[in-house]
Amino acid sequence: MIKELRRKFIFISGISIFLVFVGIFVLISAFSMAQMDRTMDTLTDAISSNDGVFPDFEPSDRPAPLFSDAEVITAETRFSTRFFMVWLDGKDEVTRMNTDAIASLSEDEVEEYAAQALEKGAQRGWVLEYRYKVTETDEGVAIVFVNGSSNQNITNRLLLTAFLVLFGSAVLILALTVILSKRAVRPVAESYEKQKQFITDANHELKTPLTLILSNLDIVESELGKNEWLDDIRSEGERMGLLINQLVALCRMDESESHLTLAPFDLSEAVSDTVSEFQTLAAERDQTLTARVEPGISYRGDEALVRRLAAILLDNAVKYCDPGGDIRVELFQRRHPVLVVENTYAQVDRLELDKLFDRFYRADPARTFTGGFGVGLSIAQSIARSHRGSIHVYRKKERIGFRAELK
């Protein structure tokens, strides 16, 4: 249980770290991309508004508010900016082009860039490493393209650096989480160890007087004969003994997997045998017990515990099935063996399904004795988990079902 708690702590911490750092990286990426687009748009605006020629701005002649083009365009910008502009008529035919500031593209390539920009249908965008802007003119449209490869390289290096820093930080934090997780769960581990020790001590302290009571009861019965009061004492004594045994079994289930006797066995046969054991009891209660067990399902696990898991689910179904109702048992193979036990229960809507596996939980608030203590399903859950499986409860109309997967 403590190992599982520690694993969950590490898992939740890891997921939290991952989500936070992914969120930070996404924000950095979005902000960097937006800033790059803003920078390139400033250049395309300046060139398109100057009829395809880089404007000769004087920084002293214009204001410099925050995020103005003064931060992008300097006296040297015209010499480092590669761009071209294409004019098209109403039929999207190229009428003229200005490629004075670029030498690496032919006229056919320029026309292809213009066609791709028009195909995108957006006023601004990217065609490979060129940022473009489409402007309406009296004759048609004009498209200016500015080479943004240097800005893309700078942004990509920034994002790579941010990724490496965030990834390294996440790995370091996760490593520290793993190292410190043992200390984090130590108070819970100590409390749990005390709880187990208490149950073990209580088992020894209660079993001795209980055994003595039942032994003396046999002597009294042999001298006085059976009577109502002695029968009540024996019934309650045996009930207390059963409760003690179940508590010890539950405690051992939670300790570790070392107590498991793992061996391959015929799971289909084990379930069929368990169903046969409950056929008579179900018939006595006027209940119909049907089973559909897929033959030949083999499983490697603790056969005794798996049989006990099936017995707990069937016992629970027989106890709480409506009079004259039916119980259905299914065993089939998917990726792993799956055992399903369903029974009719008219009051299923009143059940708090999420609490059924809680120890000592009883659906009846008055806790009227029905032959159980509210720990059977907890033991079943522990058996399933000890086999790296799971067990779930569900409702379906006026039926309640348990689905156990053994991995």
Protein backbone atom coordinates (compact mmCIF):
# COMPACT_ATOMS: atom_id res chain seq x y z
CA MET A 1 0.00 0.00 0.00
CA ILE A 2 2.80 2.42 0.90
CA LYS A 3 4.65 1.59 -2.32
CA GLU A 4 1.47 2.25 -4.26
CA LEU A 5 0.96 5.55 -2.43
CA ARG A 6 4.54 6.55 -3.21
CA ARG A 7 4.09 5.63 -6.87
CA LYS A 8 0.90 7.69 -7.03
CA PHE A 9 2.68 10.63 -5.37
CA ILE A 10 5.51 10.46 -7.92
CA PHE A 11 3.05 9.99 -10.80
CA ILE A 12 0.88 12.96 -9.80
CA SER A 13 3.97 15.12 -9.24
CA GLY A 14 5.39 14.06 -12.60
CA ILE A 15 2.16 14.84 -14.43
CA SER A 16 1.90 18.21 -12.67
CA ILE A 17 5.49 19.10 -13.58
CA PHE A 18 4.93 17.99 -17.17
CA LEU A 19 1.74 20.04 -17.57
CA VAL A 20 3.26 23.16 -16.00
CA PHE A 21 6.44 23.01 -18.07
CA VAL A 22 4.53 22.22 -21.27
CA GLY A 23 2.30 25.20 -20.54
CA ILE A 24 5.35 27.43 -20.03
CA PHE A 25 6.93 26.19 -23.26
CA VAL A 26 3.70 26.73 -25.20
CA LEU A 27 3.44 30.28 -23.86
CA ILE A 28 7.08 31.00 -24.74
CA SER A 29 6.54 29.54 -28.23
CA ALA A 30 3.35 31.51 -28.82
CA PHE A 31 4.92 34.76 -27.57
CA SER A 32 8.10 34.23 -29.64
CA MET A 33 6.15 33.41 -32.78
CA ALA A 34 3.87 36.41 -32.26
CA GLN A 35 6.89 38.70 -31.78
CA MET A 36 8.54 37.32 -34.93
CA ASP A 37 5.34 37.82 -36.94
CA ARG A 38 5.03 41.34 -35.52
CA THR A 39 8.59 42.14 -36.55
CA MET A 40 8.10 40.79 -40.06
CA ASP A 41 4.74 42.53 -40.43
CA THR A 42 6.38 45.84 -39.58
CA LEU A 43 8.78 45.33 -42.50
CA THR A 44 6.05 44.22 -44.93
CA ASP A 45 3.90 47.22 -43.95
CA ALA A 46 6.77 49.62 -44.50
CA ILE A 47 7.64 48.20 -47.93
CA SER A 48 4.07 47.77 -49.20
CA SER A 49 3.16 51.33 -48.22
CA ASN A 50 6.19 52.60 -50.17
CA ASP A 51 5.26 50.90 -53.47
CA GLY A 52 7.73 48.04 -53.15
CA VAL A 53 10.73 50.12 -52.15
CA PHE A 54 12.34 50.06 -48.73
CA PRO A 55 11.52 53.46 -47.12
CA ASP A 56 14.27 55.79 -46.07
CA PHE A 57 13.10 56.44 -42.50
CA GLU A 58 14.83 58.83 -40.21
CA PRO A 59 14.46 57.64 -36.60
CA SER A 60 14.47 61.23 -35.36
CA ASP A 61 11.44 62.09 -37.51
CA ARG A 62 9.00 59.63 -35.93
CA PRO A 63 7.89 58.78 -32.41
CA ALA A 64 9.14 55.64 -30.69
CA PRO A 65 6.33 54.26 -28.57
CA LEU A 66 6.53 50.78 -27.08
CA PHE A 67 6.66 48.08 -29.78
CA SER A 68 6.95 50.68 -32.59
CA ASP A 69 8.81 50.02 -35.84
CA ALA A 70 11.72 52.00 -34.38
CA GLU A 71 12.67 48.80 -32.61
CA VAL A 72 12.69 46.89 -35.94
CA ILE A 73 13.82 49.37 -38.60
CA THR A 74 17.15 51.06 -38.14
CA ALA A 75 19.56 52.79 -40.50
CA GLU A 76 21.10 49.38 -41.31
CA THR A 77 17.86 47.45 -41.82
CA ARG A 78 17.54 48.31 -45.54
CA PHE A 79 20.93 46.64 -46.21
CA SER A 80 20.09 43.40 -44.37
CA THR A 81 16.49 42.93 -45.58
CA ARG A 82 15.81 40.71 -48.58
CA PHE A 83 12.42 41.23 -50.19
CA PHE A 84 10.50 41.35 -53.44
CA MET A 85 7.07 42.60 -54.51
CA VAL A 86 4.63 41.33 -57.13
CA TRP A 87 1.70 43.16 -58.71
CA LEU A 88 -1.21 41.21 -60.17
CA ASP A 89 -4.28 42.26 -62.17
CA GLY A 90 -7.90 41.32 -61.52
CA LYS A 91 -7.31 37.91 -63.15
CA ASP A 92 -4.38 37.17 -60.83
CA GLU A 93 -1.94 37.52 -63.69
CA VAL A 94 1.46 39.03 -62.83
CA THR A 95 1.77 42.47 -64.40
CA ARG A 96 5.10 43.52 -62.88
CA MET A 97 7.54 42.65 -60.10
CA ASN A 98 10.36 44.24 -58.16
CA THR A 99 13.21 41.81 -57.33
CA ASP A 100 16.01 44.35 -56.96
CA ALA A 101 16.57 43.39 -53.30
CA ILE A 102 16.76 39.65 -53.94
CA ALA A 103 19.01 37.65 -56.25
CA SER A 104 18.33 34.01 -55.35
CA LEU A 105 14.90 33.68 -57.01
CA SER A 106 13.98 33.46 -60.67
CA GLU A 107 10.86 35.06 -62.16
CA ASP A 108 9.12 31.69 -62.29
CA GLU A 109 9.86 31.13 -58.60
CA VAL A 110 8.55 34.61 -57.77
CA GLU A 111 5.32 33.84 -59.61
CA GLU A 112 5.04 30.52 -57.73
CA TYR A 113 5.41 32.33 -54.39
CA ALA A 114 2.66 34.76 -55.42
CA ALA A 115 0.36 31.87 -56.44
CA GLN A 116 0.89 30.13 -53.10
CA ALA A 117 0.13 33.33 -51.19
CA LEU A 118 -3.12 33.84 -53.12
CA GLU A 119 -4.07 30.20 -52.60
CA LYS A 120 -3.84 30.62 -48.82
CA GLY A 121 -6.51 33.32 -49.01
CA ALA A 122 -5.12 35.30 -46.04
CA GLN A 123 -3.89 38.88 -45.99
CA ARG A 124 -0.75 37.86 -44.07
CA GLY A 125 1.11 34.64 -43.71
CA TRP A 126 4.21 32.59 -44.48
CA VAL A 127 5.33 30.90 -47.69
CA LEU A 128 8.37 28.88 -46.68
CA GLU A 129 10.83 31.39 -45.18
CA TYR A 130 9.06 34.48 -46.61
CA ARG A 131 6.51 36.58 -44.75
CA TYR A 132 4.00 38.13 -47.10
CA LYS A 133 1.29 40.80 -47.09
CA VAL A 134 -1.47 41.15 -49.68
CA THR A 135 -2.59 44.71 -50.46
CA GLU A 136 -5.54 45.77 -52.61
CA THR A 137 -4.72 48.11 -55.52
CA ASP A 138 -6.73 49.84 -58.25
CA GLU A 139 -5.56 47.25 -60.80
CA GLY A 140 -5.76 44.15 -58.55
CA VAL A 141 -3.50 43.18 -55.71
CA ALA A 142 0.12 43.67 -54.69
CA ILE A 143 2.01 41.16 -52.60
CA VAL A 144 5.21 41.95 -50.77
CA PHE A 145 7.49 39.14 -49.56
CA VAL A 146 10.18 39.66 -46.92
CA ASN A 147 12.75 36.99 -46.15
CA GLY A 148 12.49 36.00 -42.48
CA SER A 149 14.99 33.15 -42.35
CA SER A 150 17.27 34.98 -39.92
CA ASN A 151 14.36 35.73 -37.59
CA GLN A 152 13.16 32.12 -37.88
CA ASN A 153 16.63 30.85 -36.98
CA ILE A 154 16.85 33.16 -33.97
CA THR A 155 13.36 32.12 -32.80
CA ASN A 156 14.11 28.42 -33.31
CA ARG A 157 17.33 28.68 -31.32
CA LEU A 158 15.48 30.51 -28.57
CA LEU A 159 12.81 27.81 -28.45
CA LEU A 160 15.43 25.05 -28.46
CA THR A 161 17.23 26.73 -25.58
CA ALA A 162 13.96 27.14 -23.68
CA PHE A 163 13.07 23.49 -24.32
CA LEU A 164 16.44 22.23 -23.08
CA VAL A 165 16.30 24.42 -19.97
CA LEU A 166 12.72 23.40 -19.16
CA PHE A 167 13.39 19.72 -19.89
CA GLY A 168 16.50 19.73 -17.71
CA SER A 169 14.62 21.50 -14.93
CA ALA A 170 11.74 19.01 -15.16
CA VAL A 171 14.11 16.04 -14.98
CA LEU A 172 15.90 17.57 -11.99
CA ILE A 173 12.65 18.32 -10.15
CA LEU A 174 11.30 14.84 -10.91
CA ALA A 175 14.53 13.28 -9.64
CA LEU A 176 14.27 15.28 -6.43
CA THR A 177 10.60 14.24 -6.14
CA VAL A 178 11.57 10.57 -6.41
CA ILE A 179 14.33 11.01 -3.83
CA LEU A 180 12.16 12.97 -1.39
CA SER A 181 8.95 10.97 -1.95
CA LYS A 182 10.00 8.39 0.62
CA ARG A 183 10.30 11.12 3.22
CA ALA A 184 7.00 12.66 2.12
CA VAL A 185 5.04 9.44 2.70
CA ARG A 186 6.95 8.50 5.85
CA PRO A 187 4.24 9.80 8.26
CA VAL A 188 1.62 7.78 6.40
CA ALA A 189 3.91 4.74 6.38
CA GLU A 190 4.51 5.00 10.10
CA SER A 191 0.79 5.38 10.80
CA TYR A 192 0.01 2.42 8.55
CA GLU A 193 2.66 0.26 10.22
CA LYS A 194 1.16 1.10 13.61
CA GLN A 195 -2.27 0.18 12.30
CA LYS A 196 -1.01 -3.19 11.05
CA GLN A 197 0.78 -3.81 14.31
CA PHE A 198 -2.39 -2.96 16.21
CA ILE A 199 -4.40 -5.46 14.15
CA THR A 200 -1.74 -8.14 14.65
CA ASP A 201 -1.61 -7.49 18.40
CA ALA A 202 -5.40 -7.41 18.62
CA ASN A 203 -5.54 -10.73 16.79
CA HIS A 204 -3.27 -12.36 19.38
CA GLU A 205 -4.99 -10.69 22.32
CA LEU A 206 -8.51 -11.55 21.18
CA LYS A 207 -7.97 -15.04 19.84
CA THR A 208 -6.79 -16.48 23.14
CA PRO A 209 -9.81 -15.42 25.26
CA LEU A 210 -12.15 -16.18 22.36
CA THR A 211 -10.79 -19.70 22.05
CA LEU A 212 -11.13 -20.13 25.83
CA ILE A 213 -14.73 -18.90 25.76
CA LEU A 214 -15.71 -21.31 22.98
CA SER A 215 -13.90 -24.20 24.68
CA ASN A 216 -15.62 -23.53 28.00
CA LEU A 217 -18.88 -23.23 26.10
CA ASP A 218 -18.45 -26.81 24.88
CA ILE A 219 -17.99 -27.96 28.47
CA VAL A 220 -21.05 -26.06 29.67
CA GLU A 221 -23.14 -27.49 26.83
CA SER A 222 -22.02 -31.02 27.67
CA GLU A 223 -23.22 -30.57 31.27
CA LEU A 224 -26.34 -28.41 30.82
CA GLY A 225 -27.28 -29.24 27.26
CA LYS A 226 -27.96 -26.76 24.49
CA ASN A 227 -30.20 -23.78 25.08
CA GLU A 228 -31.01 -20.44 23.48
CA TRP A 229 -28.52 -18.39 25.50
CA LEU A 230 -25.61 -20.72 24.87
CA ASP A 231 -26.43 -20.75 21.17
CA ASP A 232 -26.35 -16.95 21.10
CA ILE A 233 -22.96 -16.93 22.86
CA ARG A 234 -21.55 -19.44 20.35
CA SER A 235 -22.98 -17.55 17.38
CA GLU A 236 -21.51 -14.24 18.47
CA GLY A 237 -18.19 -15.88 19.40
CA GLU A 238 -17.89 -17.52 16.01
CA ARG A 239 -18.86 -14.24 14.35
CA MET A 240 -16.14 -12.41 16.27
CA GLY A 241 -13.62 -15.08 15.28
CA LEU A 242 -14.59 -14.67 11.63
CA LEU A 243 -14.17 -10.91 11.88
CA ILE A 244 -10.70 -11.29 13.42
CA ASN A 245 -9.64 -13.66 10.65
CA GLN A 246 -10.91 -11.29 7.96
CA LEU A 247 -9.08 -8.34 9.48
CA VAL A 248 -5.83 -10.30 9.59
CA ALA A 249 -6.34 -11.49 6.01
CA LEU A 250 -7.02 -7.93 4.86
CA CYS A 251 -3.93 -6.69 6.65
CA ARG A 252 -1.78 -9.36 5.01
CA MET A 253 -3.23 -8.51 1.60
CA ASP A 254 -2.00 -4.94 1.98
CA GLU A 255 1.48 -5.82 3.16
CA SER A 256 3.14 -6.89 -0.08
CA GLU A 257 3.03 -9.33 -2.92
CA SER A 258 5.62 -11.62 -1.34
CA HIS A 259 2.92 -13.80 0.22
CA LEU A 260 1.49 -14.73 -3.19
CA THR A 261 2.03 -18.27 -4.45
CA LEU A 262 2.22 -17.67 -8.17
CA ALA A 263 1.65 -20.64 -10.45
CA PRO A 264 -0.29 -21.28 -13.67
CA PHE A 265 -3.74 -22.82 -13.18
CA ASP A 266 -7.03 -23.30 -15.00
CA LEU A 267 -9.01 -20.16 -14.18
CA SER A 268 -12.11 -21.44 -15.97
CA GLU A 269 -12.19 -24.52 -13.75
CA ALA A 270 -11.63 -22.46 -10.59
CA VAL A 271 -14.55 -20.14 -11.37
CA SER A 272 -16.81 -23.04 -12.37
CA ASP A 273 -16.06 -24.83 -9.10
CA THR A 274 -16.85 -21.68 -7.11
CA VAL A 275 -20.14 -21.22 -8.96
CA SER A 276 -21.11 -24.83 -8.20
CA GLU A 277 -20.52 -24.23 -4.49
CA PHE A 278 -23.12 -21.44 -4.48
CA GLN A 279 -25.75 -23.13 -6.65
CA THR A 280 -27.47 -24.80 -3.68
CA LEU A 281 -27.44 -21.65 -1.54
CA ALA A 282 -28.91 -19.60 -4.37
CA ALA A 283 -31.62 -22.23 -4.96
CA GLU A 284 -32.55 -22.17 -1.27
CA ARG A 285 -33.17 -18.43 -1.58
CA ASP A 286 -35.24 -18.88 -4.74
CA GLN A 287 -32.55 -17.23 -6.84
CA THR A 288 -31.45 -18.24 -10.33
CA LEU A 289 -27.68 -18.56 -10.68
CA THR A 290 -26.41 -18.85 -14.26
CA ALA A 291 -22.81 -18.92 -15.43
CA ARG A 292 -21.16 -18.44 -18.80
CA VAL A 293 -17.54 -19.44 -18.37
CA GLU A 294 -15.27 -19.43 -21.39
CA PRO A 295 -13.36 -22.74 -21.25
CA GLY A 296 -9.60 -23.14 -21.28
CA ILE A 297 -8.62 -19.78 -19.75
CA SER A 298 -5.26 -20.21 -18.08
CA TYR A 299 -3.89 -17.72 -15.58
CA ARG A 300 -0.71 -17.35 -13.54
CA GLY A 301 -1.46 -16.24 -10.01
CA ASP A 302 -2.36 -17.41 -6.52
CA GLU A 303 -5.14 -19.91 -7.17
CA ALA A 304 -6.41 -19.92 -3.58
CA LEU A 305 -6.74 -16.14 -3.52
CA VAL A 306 -8.38 -15.98 -6.95
CA ARG A 307 -10.90 -18.61 -5.85
CA ARG A 308 -11.52 -16.49 -2.77
CA LEU A 309 -12.08 -13.42 -4.94
CA ALA A 310 -14.72 -15.26 -6.96
CA ALA A 311 -16.30 -16.60 -3.75
CA ILE A 312 -16.52 -13.13 -2.21
CA LEU A 313 -18.27 -11.71 -5.28
CA LEU A 314 -20.69 -14.64 -5.44
CA ASP A 315 -21.36 -14.54 -1.71
CA ASN A 316 -22.07 -10.82 -1.96
CA ALA A 317 -24.40 -11.42 -4.92
CA VAL A 318 -26.35 -14.17 -3.12
CA LYS A 319 -26.72 -12.09 0.06
CA TYR A 320 -28.02 -8.98 -1.64
CA CYS A 321 -29.89 -10.41 -4.64
CA ASP A 322 -33.64 -9.76 -4.54
CA PRO A 323 -35.88 -12.72 -3.64
CA GLY A 324 -36.70 -14.55 -6.84
CA GLY A 325 -33.99 -12.58 -8.68
CA ASP A 326 -31.18 -13.85 -10.82
CA ILE A 327 -27.39 -13.87 -10.58
CA ARG A 328 -25.17 -13.98 -13.65
CA VAL A 329 -21.51 -14.93 -13.72
CA GLU A 330 -19.28 -14.43 -16.76
CA LEU A 331 -15.63 -15.26 -17.33
CA PHE A 332 -14.06 -14.34 -20.63
CA GLN A 333 -10.67 -13.52 -22.09
CA ARG A 334 -9.91 -10.12 -23.52
CA ARG A 335 -6.41 -8.74 -23.22
CA HIS A 336 -6.59 -10.14 -19.68
CA PRO A 337 -9.07 -12.48 -17.99
CA VAL A 338 -12.27 -10.68 -16.92
CA LEU A 339 -14.71 -11.94 -14.27
CA VAL A 340 -18.15 -10.31 -14.11
CA VAL A 341 -20.76 -11.00 -11.41
CA GLU A 342 -24.19 -9.32 -11.66
CA ASN A 343 -27.36 -9.66 -9.63
CA THR A 344 -30.75 -8.00 -9.46
CA TYR A 345 -31.10 -5.44 -6.68
CA ALA A 346 -34.14 -3.17 -6.66
CA GLN A 347 -32.53 -0.62 -4.32
CA VAL A 348 -29.35 -0.23 -6.37
CA ASP A 349 -30.05 3.49 -6.90
CA ARG A 350 -29.73 4.08 -3.15
CA LEU A 351 -26.21 2.65 -3.01
CA GLU A 352 -23.13 4.85 -2.85
CA LEU A 353 -21.09 2.84 -5.32
CA ASP A 354 -17.88 4.74 -4.64
CA LYS A 355 -17.97 3.58 -1.00
CA LEU A 356 -18.68 -0.12 -1.49
CA PHE A 357 -14.99 -1.01 -1.29
CA ASP A 358 -14.45 1.01 1.89
CA ARG A 359 -13.72 -1.13 4.92
CA PHE A 360 -16.70 -1.71 7.20
CA TYR A 361 -19.00 0.18 4.86
CA ARG A 362 -22.59 -1.02 5.10
CA ALA A 363 -25.34 0.27 2.83
CA ASP A 364 -27.77 -0.03 5.73
CA PRO A 365 -27.17 3.01 8.02
CA ALA A 366 -28.64 1.04 10.92
CA ARG A 367 -25.94 -1.63 10.28
CA THR A 368 -28.44 -4.44 10.66
CA PHE A 369 -26.53 -7.69 10.73
CA THR A 370 -26.91 -9.61 7.46
CA GLY A 371 -24.07 -12.08 7.91
CA GLY A 372 -21.29 -9.76 6.72
CA PHE A 373 -18.98 -7.15 8.21
CA GLY A 374 -18.39 -4.87 5.26
CA VAL A 375 -14.82 -6.03 4.61
CA GLY A 376 -15.41 -8.72 1.99
CA LEU A 377 -15.29 -6.36 -0.97
CA SER A 378 -12.19 -4.71 0.50
CA ILE A 379 -10.50 -8.10 0.55
CA ALA A 380 -11.63 -8.74 -3.04
CA GLN A 381 -10.16 -5.41 -4.11
CA SER A 382 -6.88 -6.20 -2.35
CA ILE A 383 -6.70 -9.61 -4.06
CA ALA A 384 -7.26 -8.01 -7.47
CA ARG A 385 -4.63 -5.35 -6.81
CA SER A 386 -2.12 -7.90 -5.53
CA HIS A 387 -2.43 -9.54 -8.97
CA ARG A 388 -1.87 -6.13 -10.63
CA GLY A 389 -5.52 -6.09 -11.63
CA SER A 390 -8.55 -4.02 -10.74
CA ILE A 391 -12.17 -4.38 -9.73
CA HIS A 392 -15.01 -1.97 -10.48
CA VAL A 393 -18.67 -1.75 -9.53
CA TYR A 394 -21.45 -0.49 -11.79
CA ARG A 395 -25.22 -0.25 -11.87
CA LYS A 396 -27.44 -1.15 -14.79
CA LYS A 397 -31.15 -0.46 -14.36
CA GLU A 398 -32.14 -2.58 -11.35
CA ARG A 399 -28.94 -4.60 -11.40
CA ILE A 400 -25.58 -4.21 -9.71
CA GLY A 401 -22.41 -5.71 -11.14
CA PHE A 402 -18.75 -6.19 -10.29
CA ARG A 403 -16.10 -6.46 -13.00
CA ALA A 404 -12.69 -7.83 -11.97
CA GLU A 405 -9.74 -7.79 -14.36
CA LEU A 406 -6.74 -9.99 -13.56
CA LYS A 407 -3.46 -8.96 -15.20
